[in-house]
Amino acid sequence: MSEPWELSCYTANLVAYLRPQVPGIATDLAAAIRLSVRTDPPGGGLAFSHHARVDVDADGHGLVYRGADDWDRTRDALTAELRRGGRVLAVGNTRHIPWSPAHERAETPHWVLLCGLTDGKWSVRDDFAALTPHGEHAPHTGLLDDHELRGLLTPPSELTPVAANRDHYALGEYTALPPATGYRWLEHTALPPTTGEVEAPEGTWIHGVVPALRAVAERVCGDDEALARHADDLWTAARHQRFRLAQRTPGDAAAREEAATAWEELPRAARFAVASAARGRPRHALVDKAFARLLDTVERLGDGNDDD
């Protein structure tokens, strides 16, 4: 298993999935990281896109979601995908992932990588590493039988609009989802051919780190409910931006470090404020200050858009 990076459960395991065919995927992902925010997604709130797609190969093949309502069809499809490509990304549920700190406590979609099937045992890998609100999530490799894998892939009892948006944009661009009531995985397949013309994504989008951050701040600063809804999105943005700063951003090292620190502080302040508001003690000034500091450092670094 490679060294853990500051990525989400989606991108950490996407990198692991792609690395055998794309050895330089870490550099490619760093170059693809951006920040775009949709201000009018279905269900309200905001939708975040953290990077351009890195899974599409030169032949126009990439990942799409697949799903099935019953386990037999799911197992057959996972087996077939393993035979075709040697690995498959599957959508787990943190409530049912034994090594997740959210096990039996909270559910959210979580990608895992299936790397093989031998003698009825599935080889499962999870490169995600982070300190989460529920505790430390460490990288994991292990073997699961059918019953154990089925449990791990248990569909969520409910997929909120915010969680659905995270799944929709997990590959960087909108990807259709199968029903969340069934088992889900991703298949590497031919994508519809492009026309050569750049199509504007559906909805109202704000692109670039500084414009997107300002738009998010306008929505969540002073609004405890909105901040709670998008605290995890801010955490994910911070992880990706810190990864990008560490991997490829040119410029003054001290300025990069200051920006990385400010990115780390924003989700920390957001989560503290959410917890404090739940106890009846709003901390709006704390979040305001964290946004202001981050915007200042990003602007001074000259890192304010996704075309840098």
C-alpha atoms as a PDB file:
ATOM      1  CA  MET A   1       0.000   0.000   0.000  1.00  0.00           C
ATOM      2  CA  SER A   2       1.296   3.466  -0.878  1.00  0.00           C
ATOM      3  CA  GLU A   3       1.844   6.233   1.636  1.00  0.00           C
ATOM      4  CA  PRO A   4      -1.416   7.897   2.746  1.00  0.00           C
ATOM      5  CA  TRP A   5      -2.120  11.292   1.201  1.00  0.00           C
ATOM      6  CA  GLU A   6      -4.534  14.027   2.181  1.00  0.00           C
ATOM      7  CA  LEU A   7      -7.331  12.883  -0.097  1.00  0.00           C
ATOM      8  CA  SER A   8     -10.966  11.888   0.298  1.00  0.00           C
ATOM      9  CA  CYS A   9     -12.139   8.282   0.409  1.00  0.00           C
ATOM     10  CA  TYR A  10     -13.115   8.743  -3.242  1.00  0.00           C
ATOM     11  CA  THR A  11      -9.828  10.099  -4.569  1.00  0.00           C
ATOM     12  CA  ALA A  12      -7.573   8.013  -2.304  1.00  0.00           C
ATOM     13  CA  ASN A  13      -9.071   4.828  -3.704  1.00  0.00           C
ATOM     14  CA  LEU A  14      -9.451   6.245  -7.219  1.00  0.00           C
ATOM     15  CA  VAL A  15      -5.684   6.835  -7.230  1.00  0.00           C
ATOM     16  CA  ALA A  16      -5.116   3.254  -6.053  1.00  0.00           C
ATOM     17  CA  TYR A  17      -7.442   2.000  -8.786  1.00  0.00           C
ATOM     18  CA  LEU A  18      -5.718   3.975 -11.549  1.00  0.00           C
ATOM     19  CA  ARG A  19      -2.061   3.638 -10.504  1.00  0.00           C
ATOM     20  CA  PRO A  20      -1.364   0.247 -12.199  1.00  0.00           C
ATOM     21  CA  GLN A  21      -2.187   1.792 -15.580  1.00  0.00           C
ATOM     22  CA  VAL A  22      -1.158   5.384 -14.780  1.00  0.00           C
ATOM     23  CA  PRO A  23       1.993   5.360 -12.600  1.00  0.00           C
ATOM     24  CA  GLY A  24       2.036   9.166 -12.503  1.00  0.00           C
ATOM     25  CA  ILE A  25      -1.561   9.471 -11.345  1.00  0.00           C
ATOM     26  CA  ALA A  26      -0.636  11.431  -8.196  1.00  0.00           C
ATOM     27  CA  THR A  27       0.940  14.163 -10.323  1.00  0.00           C
ATOM     28  CA  ASP A  28      -1.982  14.052 -12.751  1.00  0.00           C
ATOM     29  CA  LEU A  29      -4.498  14.404  -9.953  1.00  0.00           C
ATOM     30  CA  ALA A  30      -2.621  17.306  -8.378  1.00  0.00           C
ATOM     31  CA  ALA A  31      -2.681  19.092 -11.738  1.00  0.00           C
ATOM     32  CA  ALA A  32      -6.414  18.422 -12.051  1.00  0.00           C
ATOM     33  CA  ILE A  33      -7.420  19.739  -8.627  1.00  0.00           C
ATOM     34  CA  ARG A  34      -9.525  22.887  -8.670  1.00  0.00           C
ATOM     35  CA  LEU A  35     -12.547  24.212  -6.811  1.00  0.00           C
ATOM     36  CA  SER A  36     -15.926  24.741  -8.435  1.00  0.00           C
ATOM     37  CA  VAL A  37     -19.254  25.182  -6.689  1.00  0.00           C
ATOM     38  CA  ARG A  38     -22.773  24.818  -8.025  1.00  0.00           C
ATOM     39  CA  THR A  39     -25.109  27.202  -6.238  1.00  0.00           C
ATOM     40  CA  ASP A  40     -28.421  25.682  -7.359  1.00  0.00           C
ATOM     41  CA  PRO A  41     -28.296  21.866  -7.197  1.00  0.00           C
ATOM     42  CA  PRO A  42     -31.511  19.874  -6.831  1.00  0.00           C
ATOM     43  CA  GLY A  43     -32.418  19.580  -3.178  1.00  0.00           C
ATOM     44  CA  GLY A  44     -30.822  22.904  -2.259  1.00  0.00           C
ATOM     45  CA  GLY A  45     -27.489  23.732  -0.692  1.00  0.00           C
ATOM     46  CA  LEU A  46     -24.287  23.624  -2.729  1.00  0.00           C
ATOM     47  CA  ALA A  47     -22.560  21.024  -4.886  1.00  0.00           C
ATOM     48  CA  PHE A  48     -18.749  20.865  -5.014  1.00  0.00           C
ATOM     49  CA  SER A  49     -16.423  19.704  -7.781  1.00  0.00           C
ATOM     50  CA  HIS A  50     -12.866  19.270  -6.535  1.00  0.00           C
ATOM     51  CA  HIS A  51     -10.979  18.187  -9.663  1.00  0.00           C
ATOM     52  CA  ALA A  52     -11.253  17.531 -13.366  1.00  0.00           C
ATOM     53  CA  ARG A  53     -11.659  13.926 -14.444  1.00  0.00           C
ATOM     54  CA  VAL A  54      -8.507  11.809 -14.353  1.00  0.00           C
ATOM     55  CA  ASP A  55     -10.074   8.414 -15.027  1.00  0.00           C
ATOM     56  CA  VAL A  56     -10.708   8.785 -18.770  1.00  0.00           C
ATOM     57  CA  ASP A  57      -8.058   7.072 -20.894  1.00  0.00           C
ATOM     58  CA  ALA A  58      -6.820   7.809 -24.419  1.00  0.00           C
ATOM     59  CA  ASP A  59      -9.409   5.426 -25.867  1.00  0.00           C
ATOM     60  CA  GLY A  60     -12.299   7.305 -24.286  1.00  0.00           C
ATOM     61  CA  HIS A  61     -12.948   4.694 -21.587  1.00  0.00           C
ATOM     62  CA  GLY A  62     -13.746   5.819 -18.072  1.00  0.00           C
ATOM     63  CA  LEU A  63     -15.758   5.018 -14.989  1.00  0.00           C
ATOM     64  CA  VAL A  64     -19.540   4.947 -14.687  1.00  0.00           C
ATOM     65  CA  TYR A  65     -21.731   3.921 -11.802  1.00  0.00           C
ATOM     66  CA  ARG A  66     -23.614   0.631 -11.954  1.00  0.00           C
ATOM     67  CA  GLY A  67     -26.099  -0.835  -9.520  1.00  0.00           C
ATOM     68  CA  ALA A  68     -28.297  -3.806  -8.705  1.00  0.00           C
ATOM     69  CA  ASP A  69     -31.053  -4.489  -6.196  1.00  0.00           C
ATOM     70  CA  ASP A  70     -30.030  -8.045  -5.362  1.00  0.00           C
ATOM     71  CA  TRP A  71     -26.755  -9.514  -4.164  1.00  0.00           C
ATOM     72  CA  ASP A  72     -26.500 -12.307  -6.746  1.00  0.00           C
ATOM     73  CA  ARG A  73     -26.474  -9.826  -9.640  1.00  0.00           C
ATOM     74  CA  THR A  74     -24.056  -7.606  -7.751  1.00  0.00           C
ATOM     75  CA  ARG A  75     -21.636 -10.444  -7.035  1.00  0.00           C
ATOM     76  CA  ASP A  76     -21.742 -11.572 -10.678  1.00  0.00           C
ATOM     77  CA  ALA A  77     -21.096  -8.019 -11.916  1.00  0.00           C
ATOM     78  CA  LEU A  78     -18.221  -7.460  -9.483  1.00  0.00           C
ATOM     79  CA  THR A  79     -16.691 -10.790 -10.510  1.00  0.00           C
ATOM     80  CA  ALA A  80     -16.994  -9.912 -14.198  1.00  0.00           C
ATOM     81  CA  GLU A  81     -15.389  -6.505 -13.660  1.00  0.00           C
ATOM     82  CA  LEU A  82     -12.524  -8.106 -11.742  1.00  0.00           C
ATOM     83  CA  ARG A  83     -11.942 -10.490 -14.628  1.00  0.00           C
ATOM     84  CA  ARG A  84     -11.921  -7.636 -17.154  1.00  0.00           C
ATOM     85  CA  GLY A  85      -9.702  -5.208 -15.297  1.00  0.00           C
ATOM     86  CA  GLY A  86      -8.256  -6.922 -12.255  1.00  0.00           C
ATOM     87  CA  ARG A  87      -9.835  -4.453  -9.856  1.00  0.00           C
ATOM     88  CA  VAL A  88     -13.116  -2.672  -9.221  1.00  0.00           C
ATOM     89  CA  LEU A  89     -14.245   0.258  -7.117  1.00  0.00           C
ATOM     90  CA  ALA A  90     -17.306  -0.513  -4.999  1.00  0.00           C
ATOM     91  CA  VAL A  91     -19.446   1.803  -2.901  1.00  0.00           C
ATOM     92  CA  GLY A  92     -19.410   0.786   0.738  1.00  0.00           C
ATOM     93  CA  ASN A  93     -21.297   2.126   3.726  1.00  0.00           C
ATOM     94  CA  THR A  94     -19.275   3.367   6.705  1.00  0.00           C
ATOM     95  CA  ARG A  95     -21.815   1.996   9.169  1.00  0.00           C
ATOM     96  CA  HIS A  96     -20.980  -1.496   7.925  1.00  0.00           C
ATOM     97  CA  ILE A  97     -17.213  -1.156   7.321  1.00  0.00           C
ATOM     98  CA  PRO A  98     -15.473  -2.861  10.253  1.00  0.00           C
ATOM     99  CA  TRP A  99     -12.299  -0.748  10.076  1.00  0.00           C
ATOM    100  CA  SER A 100     -14.179   2.553   9.791  1.00  0.00           C
ATOM    101  CA  PRO A 101     -14.411   4.647  12.978  1.00  0.00           C
ATOM    102  CA  ALA A 102     -18.049   5.236  11.971  1.00  0.00           C
ATOM    103  CA  HIS A 103     -18.763   1.482  12.120  1.00  0.00           C
ATOM    104  CA  GLU A 104     -22.205   0.933  13.692  1.00  0.00           C
ATOM    105  CA  ARG A 105     -22.380   4.676  14.380  1.00  0.00           C
ATOM    106  CA  ALA A 106     -22.979   6.666  11.197  1.00  0.00           C
ATOM    107  CA  GLU A 107     -23.437   5.955   7.527  1.00  0.00           C
ATOM    108  CA  THR A 108     -22.044   7.663   4.479  1.00  0.00           C
ATOM    109  CA  PRO A 109     -20.945   6.316   1.072  1.00  0.00           C
ATOM    110  CA  HIS A 110     -17.313   5.170   1.074  1.00  0.00           C
ATOM    111  CA  TRP A 111     -15.374   3.776  -1.872  1.00  0.00           C
ATOM    112  CA  VAL A 112     -13.305   0.621  -1.435  1.00  0.00           C
ATOM    113  CA  LEU A 113     -11.117  -1.192  -3.955  1.00  0.00           C
ATOM    114  CA  LEU A 114     -11.643  -4.876  -4.713  1.00  0.00           C
ATOM    115  CA  CYS A 115      -8.387  -6.340  -5.997  1.00  0.00           C
ATOM    116  CA  GLY A 116      -9.106 -10.037  -6.419  1.00  0.00           C
ATOM    117  CA  LEU A 117     -11.284 -13.067  -5.692  1.00  0.00           C
ATOM    118  CA  THR A 118      -9.684 -16.372  -4.724  1.00  0.00           C
ATOM    119  CA  ASP A 119     -11.321 -19.397  -3.105  1.00  0.00           C
ATOM    120  CA  GLY A 120     -14.403 -17.388  -2.243  1.00  0.00           C
ATOM    121  CA  LYS A 121     -12.411 -14.590  -0.581  1.00  0.00           C
ATOM    122  CA  TRP A 122     -12.462 -11.024  -1.863  1.00  0.00           C
ATOM    123  CA  SER A 123      -9.249  -9.025  -1.548  1.00  0.00           C
ATOM    124  CA  VAL A 124     -10.292  -5.577  -0.291  1.00  0.00           C
ATOM    125  CA  ARG A 125      -8.142  -2.472  -0.064  1.00  0.00           C
ATOM    126  CA  ASP A 126      -8.885   0.970   1.348  1.00  0.00           C
ATOM    127  CA  ASP A 127      -6.169   3.638   1.005  1.00  0.00           C
ATOM    128  CA  PHE A 128      -8.128   6.349   2.813  1.00  0.00           C
ATOM    129  CA  ALA A 129      -6.393   7.755   5.905  1.00  0.00           C
ATOM    130  CA  ALA A 130      -7.750  10.602   8.008  1.00  0.00           C
ATOM    131  CA  LEU A 131      -8.807  11.763  11.425  1.00  0.00           C
ATOM    132  CA  THR A 132     -12.598  11.921  11.103  1.00  0.00           C
ATOM    133  CA  PRO A 133     -15.197  13.244  13.556  1.00  0.00           C
ATOM    134  CA  HIS A 134     -15.669   9.622  14.664  1.00  0.00           C
ATOM    135  CA  GLY A 135     -11.967   8.853  15.096  1.00  0.00           C
ATOM    136  CA  GLU A 136      -8.938   7.734  13.101  1.00  0.00           C
ATOM    137  CA  HIS A 137      -9.551   5.970   9.797  1.00  0.00           C
ATOM    138  CA  ALA A 138      -6.431   3.995   8.900  1.00  0.00           C
ATOM    139  CA  PRO A 139      -5.639   2.359   5.530  1.00  0.00           C
ATOM    140  CA  HIS A 140      -6.708  -1.266   5.365  1.00  0.00           C
ATOM    141  CA  THR A 141      -6.141  -4.411   3.350  1.00  0.00           C
ATOM    142  CA  GLY A 142      -7.840  -7.722   4.024  1.00  0.00           C
ATOM    143  CA  LEU A 143      -9.954 -10.624   2.854  1.00  0.00           C
ATOM    144  CA  LEU A 144     -13.749 -10.845   3.049  1.00  0.00           C
ATOM    145  CA  ASP A 145     -16.121 -13.652   2.206  1.00  0.00           C
ATOM    146  CA  ASP A 146     -19.355 -13.069   0.295  1.00  0.00           C
ATOM    147  CA  HIS A 147     -21.396 -12.481   3.429  1.00  0.00           C
ATOM    148  CA  GLU A 148     -18.906  -9.952   4.790  1.00  0.00           C
ATOM    149  CA  LEU A 149     -18.584  -8.076   1.495  1.00  0.00           C
ATOM    150  CA  ARG A 150     -22.348  -7.977   1.085  1.00  0.00           C
ATOM    151  CA  GLY A 151     -22.632  -6.401   4.518  1.00  0.00           C
ATOM    152  CA  LEU A 152     -19.911  -3.861   3.775  1.00  0.00           C
ATOM    153  CA  LEU A 153     -21.747  -2.773   0.597  1.00  0.00           C
ATOM    154  CA  THR A 154     -25.118  -2.424   2.344  1.00  0.00           C
ATOM    155  CA  PRO A 155     -27.041   0.451   0.696  1.00  0.00           C
ATOM    156  CA  PRO A 156     -27.598   3.519   2.889  1.00  0.00           C
ATOM    157  CA  SER A 157     -30.923   3.845   4.647  1.00  0.00           C
ATOM    158  CA  GLU A 158     -31.123   7.327   3.150  1.00  0.00           C
ATOM    159  CA  LEU A 159     -28.985   9.271   0.682  1.00  0.00           C
ATOM    160  CA  THR A 160     -29.412  12.960   1.414  1.00  0.00           C
ATOM    161  CA  PRO A 161     -29.226  15.482  -1.449  1.00  0.00           C
ATOM    162  CA  VAL A 162     -25.841  16.680  -0.145  1.00  0.00           C
ATOM    163  CA  ALA A 163     -24.465  13.111  -0.057  1.00  0.00           C
ATOM    164  CA  ALA A 164     -25.932  12.424  -3.504  1.00  0.00           C
ATOM    165  CA  ASN A 165     -24.131  15.475  -4.887  1.00  0.00           C
ATOM    166  CA  ARG A 166     -20.848  14.187  -3.469  1.00  0.00           C
ATOM    167  CA  ASP A 167     -21.424  10.902  -5.293  1.00  0.00           C
ATOM    168  CA  HIS A 168     -22.515  12.639  -8.493  1.00  0.00           C
ATOM    169  CA  TYR A 169     -19.301  14.714  -8.628  1.00  0.00           C
ATOM    170  CA  ALA A 170     -16.892  12.192  -7.089  1.00  0.00           C
ATOM    171  CA  LEU A 171     -15.163  11.767 -10.461  1.00  0.00           C
ATOM    172  CA  GLY A 172     -14.965  15.549 -10.920  1.00  0.00           C
ATOM    173  CA  GLU A 173     -17.833  15.917 -13.381  1.00  0.00           C
ATOM    174  CA  TYR A 174     -21.485  14.985 -13.071  1.00  0.00           C
ATOM    175  CA  THR A 175     -21.987  11.216 -13.284  1.00  0.00           C
ATOM    176  CA  ALA A 176     -25.431   9.628 -13.152  1.00  0.00           C
ATOM    177  CA  LEU A 177     -26.198   7.458 -10.129  1.00  0.00           C
ATOM    178  CA  PRO A 178     -28.149   4.210  -9.951  1.00  0.00           C
ATOM    179  CA  PRO A 179     -30.805   4.037  -7.224  1.00  0.00           C
ATOM    180  CA  ALA A 180     -29.232   4.385  -3.789  1.00  0.00           C
ATOM    181  CA  THR A 181     -31.543   1.650  -2.537  1.00  0.00           C
ATOM    182  CA  GLY A 182     -29.362  -0.959  -4.265  1.00  0.00           C
ATOM    183  CA  TYR A 183     -25.735  -2.063  -4.252  1.00  0.00           C
ATOM    184  CA  ARG A 184     -23.436   0.203  -6.259  1.00  0.00           C
ATOM    185  CA  TRP A 185     -20.033  -0.021  -7.925  1.00  0.00           C
ATOM    186  CA  LEU A 186     -18.125   1.593 -10.805  1.00  0.00           C
ATOM    187  CA  GLU A 187     -17.425   0.014 -14.168  1.00  0.00           C
ATOM    188  CA  HIS A 188     -14.656   0.921 -16.597  1.00  0.00           C
ATOM    189  CA  THR A 189     -16.326   1.214 -19.984  1.00  0.00           C
ATOM    190  CA  ALA A 190     -16.543   3.220 -23.203  1.00  0.00           C
ATOM    191  CA  LEU A 191     -17.980   6.676 -22.593  1.00  0.00           C
ATOM    192  CA  PRO A 192     -20.263   8.485 -25.038  1.00  0.00           C
ATOM    193  CA  PRO A 193     -18.165  10.274 -27.670  1.00  0.00           C
ATOM    194  CA  THR A 194     -17.716  14.002 -27.222  1.00  0.00           C
ATOM    195  CA  THR A 195     -18.679  16.466 -29.917  1.00  0.00           C
ATOM    196  CA  GLY A 196     -15.468  18.444 -29.581  1.00  0.00           C
ATOM    197  CA  GLU A 197     -17.442  21.388 -28.237  1.00  0.00           C
ATOM    198  CA  VAL A 198     -17.160  22.328 -24.585  1.00  0.00           C
ATOM    199  CA  GLU A 199     -20.590  21.960 -23.003  1.00  0.00           C
ATOM    200  CA  ALA A 200     -21.432  24.110 -20.025  1.00  0.00           C
ATOM    201  CA  PRO A 201     -22.365  21.989 -16.993  1.00  0.00           C
ATOM    202  CA  GLU A 202     -25.968  22.126 -15.893  1.00  0.00           C
ATOM    203  CA  GLY A 203     -26.819  24.730 -13.307  1.00  0.00           C
ATOM    204  CA  THR A 204     -25.093  27.859 -12.039  1.00  0.00           C
ATOM    205  CA  TRP A 205     -21.409  27.253 -11.304  1.00  0.00           C
ATOM    206  CA  ILE A 206     -18.718  29.416  -9.781  1.00  0.00           C
ATOM    207  CA  HIS A 207     -15.207  28.351 -10.791  1.00  0.00           C
ATOM    208  CA  GLY A 208     -11.869  29.152  -9.194  1.00  0.00           C
ATOM    209  CA  VAL A 209     -10.623  28.905  -5.639  1.00  0.00           C
ATOM    210  CA  VAL A 210     -11.222  32.495  -4.560  1.00  0.00           C
ATOM    211  CA  PRO A 211     -14.617  33.007  -6.263  1.00  0.00           C
ATOM    212  CA  ALA A 212     -15.843  29.617  -5.055  1.00  0.00           C
ATOM    213  CA  LEU A 213     -14.651  30.241  -1.492  1.00  0.00           C
ATOM    214  CA  ARG A 214     -16.391  33.610  -1.445  1.00  0.00           C
ATOM    215  CA  ALA A 215     -19.619  31.997  -2.651  1.00  0.00           C
ATOM    216  CA  VAL A 216     -19.402  29.293   0.011  1.00  0.00           C
ATOM    217  CA  ALA A 217     -18.652  31.861   2.712  1.00  0.00           C
ATOM    218  CA  GLU A 218     -21.734  33.844   1.706  1.00  0.00           C
ATOM    219  CA  ARG A 219     -23.870  30.737   2.187  1.00  0.00           C
ATOM    220  CA  VAL A 220     -22.442  29.287   5.401  1.00  0.00           C
ATOM    221  CA  CYS A 221     -21.102  32.192   7.452  1.00  0.00           C
ATOM    222  CA  GLY A 222     -23.732  33.064  10.031  1.00  0.00           C
ATOM    223  CA  ASP A 223     -25.919  30.100   9.045  1.00  0.00           C
ATOM    224  CA  ASP A 224     -25.305  27.190  11.419  1.00  0.00           C
ATOM    225  CA  GLU A 225     -27.508  24.793   9.462  1.00  0.00           C
ATOM    226  CA  ALA A 226     -25.759  25.491   6.162  1.00  0.00           C
ATOM    227  CA  LEU A 227     -22.358  25.202   7.821  1.00  0.00           C
ATOM    228  CA  ALA A 228     -23.287  21.819   9.297  1.00  0.00           C
ATOM    229  CA  ARG A 229     -24.528  20.653   5.908  1.00  0.00           C
ATOM    230  CA  HIS A 230     -21.284  21.567   4.147  1.00  0.00           C
ATOM    231  CA  ALA A 231     -18.603  21.147   6.825  1.00  0.00           C
ATOM    232  CA  ASP A 232     -17.530  17.857   5.215  1.00  0.00           C
ATOM    233  CA  ASP A 233     -17.351  19.540   1.801  1.00  0.00           C
ATOM    234  CA  LEU A 234     -15.008  22.177   3.228  1.00  0.00           C
ATOM    235  CA  TRP A 235     -12.913  19.406   4.764  1.00  0.00           C
ATOM    236  CA  THR A 236     -12.730  17.619   1.401  1.00  0.00           C
ATOM    237  CA  ALA A 237     -11.773  20.827  -0.411  1.00  0.00           C
ATOM    238  CA  ALA A 238      -9.038  21.469   2.147  1.00  0.00           C
ATOM    239  CA  ARG A 239      -7.631  17.950   1.779  1.00  0.00           C
ATOM    240  CA  HIS A 240      -7.431  18.243  -1.993  1.00  0.00           C
ATOM    241  CA  GLN A 241      -5.993  21.748  -1.972  1.00  0.00           C
ATOM    242  CA  ARG A 242      -3.319  20.766   0.556  1.00  0.00           C
ATOM    243  CA  PHE A 243      -2.453  17.757  -1.597  1.00  0.00           C
ATOM    244  CA  ARG A 244      -2.144  20.033  -4.620  1.00  0.00           C
ATOM    245  CA  LEU A 245       0.017  22.535  -2.748  1.00  0.00           C
ATOM    246  CA  ALA A 246       2.337  19.750  -1.623  1.00  0.00           C
ATOM    247  CA  GLN A 247       2.564  18.145  -5.067  1.00  0.00           C
ATOM    248  CA  ARG A 248       2.865  20.815  -7.677  1.00  0.00           C
ATOM    249  CA  THR A 249       2.168  24.466  -6.850  1.00  0.00           C
ATOM    250  CA  PRO A 250       5.115  26.708  -7.794  1.00  0.00           C
ATOM    251  CA  GLY A 251       6.052  29.819  -5.868  1.00  0.00           C
ATOM    252  CA  ASP A 252       7.405  30.753  -2.490  1.00  0.00           C
ATOM    253  CA  ALA A 253       7.632  27.777  -0.106  1.00  0.00           C
ATOM    254  CA  ALA A 254       6.690  29.872   2.928  1.00  0.00           C
ATOM    255  CA  ALA A 255       3.605  31.208   1.144  1.00  0.00           C
ATOM    256  CA  ARG A 256       2.591  27.672   0.169  1.00  0.00           C
ATOM    257  CA  GLU A 257       2.982  26.521   3.745  1.00  0.00           C
ATOM    258  CA  GLU A 258       0.911  29.441   5.013  1.00  0.00           C
ATOM    259  CA  ALA A 259      -1.835  28.619   2.530  1.00  0.00           C
ATOM    260  CA  ALA A 260      -1.722  24.936   3.486  1.00  0.00           C
ATOM    261  CA  THR A 261      -2.071  25.874   7.154  1.00  0.00           C
ATOM    262  CA  ALA A 262      -5.015  28.160   6.403  1.00  0.00           C
ATOM    263  CA  TRP A 263      -6.686  25.366   4.418  1.00  0.00           C
ATOM    264  CA  GLU A 264      -6.224  23.042   7.384  1.00  0.00           C
ATOM    265  CA  GLU A 265      -7.705  25.551   9.794  1.00  0.00           C
ATOM    266  CA  LEU A 266     -10.928  26.249   7.851  1.00  0.00           C
ATOM    267  CA  PRO A 267     -12.598  22.815   8.255  1.00  0.00           C
ATOM    268  CA  ARG A 268     -11.288  22.585  11.827  1.00  0.00           C
ATOM    269  CA  ALA A 269     -12.995  25.886  12.635  1.00  0.00           C
ATOM    270  CA  ALA A 270     -16.137  24.803  10.793  1.00  0.00           C
ATOM    271  CA  ARG A 271     -16.431  21.532  12.705  1.00  0.00           C
ATOM    272  CA  PHE A 272     -15.766  23.234  16.030  1.00  0.00           C
ATOM    273  CA  ALA A 273     -18.424  25.840  15.238  1.00  0.00           C
ATOM    274  CA  VAL A 274     -20.934  23.160  14.231  1.00  0.00           C
ATOM    275  CA  ALA A 275     -20.371  21.282  17.485  1.00  0.00           C
ATOM    276  CA  SER A 276     -20.577  24.497  19.479  1.00  0.00           C
ATOM    277  CA  ALA A 277     -23.811  25.564  17.760  1.00  0.00           C
ATOM    278  CA  ALA A 278     -25.330  22.180  18.610  1.00  0.00           C
ATOM    279  CA  ARG A 279     -24.693  23.059  22.261  1.00  0.00           C
ATOM    280  CA  GLY A 280     -26.411  26.423  21.793  1.00  0.00           C
ATOM    281  CA  ARG A 281     -23.216  28.467  21.543  1.00  0.00           C
ATOM    282  CA  PRO A 282     -22.764  29.741  17.942  1.00  0.00           C
ATOM    283  CA  ARG A 283     -19.203  30.682  16.957  1.00  0.00           C
ATOM    284  CA  HIS A 284     -19.812  32.692  13.782  1.00  0.00           C
ATOM    285  CA  ALA A 285     -16.774  34.932  14.269  1.00  0.00           C
ATOM    286  CA  LEU A 286     -14.477  31.914  14.334  1.00  0.00           C
ATOM    287  CA  VAL A 287     -15.647  30.745  10.902  1.00  0.00           C
ATOM    288  CA  ASP A 288     -15.617  34.276   9.498  1.00  0.00           C
ATOM    289  CA  LYS A 289     -12.002  34.654  10.587  1.00  0.00           C
ATOM    290  CA  ALA A 290     -10.962  31.310   9.094  1.00  0.00           C
ATOM    291  CA  PHE A 291     -12.477  32.176   5.725  1.00  0.00           C
ATOM    292  CA  ALA A 292     -10.875  35.624   5.759  1.00  0.00           C
ATOM    293  CA  ARG A 293      -7.444  34.225   6.575  1.00  0.00           C
ATOM    294  CA  LEU A 294      -7.685  31.560   3.880  1.00  0.00           C
ATOM    295  CA  LEU A 295      -8.845  34.006   1.221  1.00  0.00           C
ATOM    296  CA  ASP A 296      -6.010  36.350   2.126  1.00  0.00           C
ATOM    297  CA  THR A 297      -3.329  33.663   1.923  1.00  0.00           C
ATOM    298  CA  VAL A 298      -4.674  32.180  -1.313  1.00  0.00           C
ATOM    299  CA  GLU A 299      -4.858  35.589  -2.971  1.00  0.00           C
ATOM    300  CA  ARG A 300      -1.348  36.520  -1.867  1.00  0.00           C
ATOM    301  CA  LEU A 301      -0.051  33.190  -3.184  1.00  0.00           C
ATOM    302  CA  GLY A 302      -1.603  34.059  -6.539  1.00  0.00           C
ATOM    303  CA  ASP A 303      -3.606  30.855  -6.323  1.00  0.00           C
ATOM    304  CA  GLY A 304      -7.062  32.217  -6.903  1.00  0.00           C
ATOM    305  CA  ASN A 305      -8.359  30.253  -9.870  1.00  0.00           C
ATOM    306  CA  ASP A 306      -8.321  26.761 -11.316  1.00  0.00           C
ATOM    307  CA  ASP A 307      -6.250  27.664 -14.332  1.00  0.00           C
ATOM    308  CA  ASP A 308      -2.988  28.218 -12.469  1.00  0.00           C
END
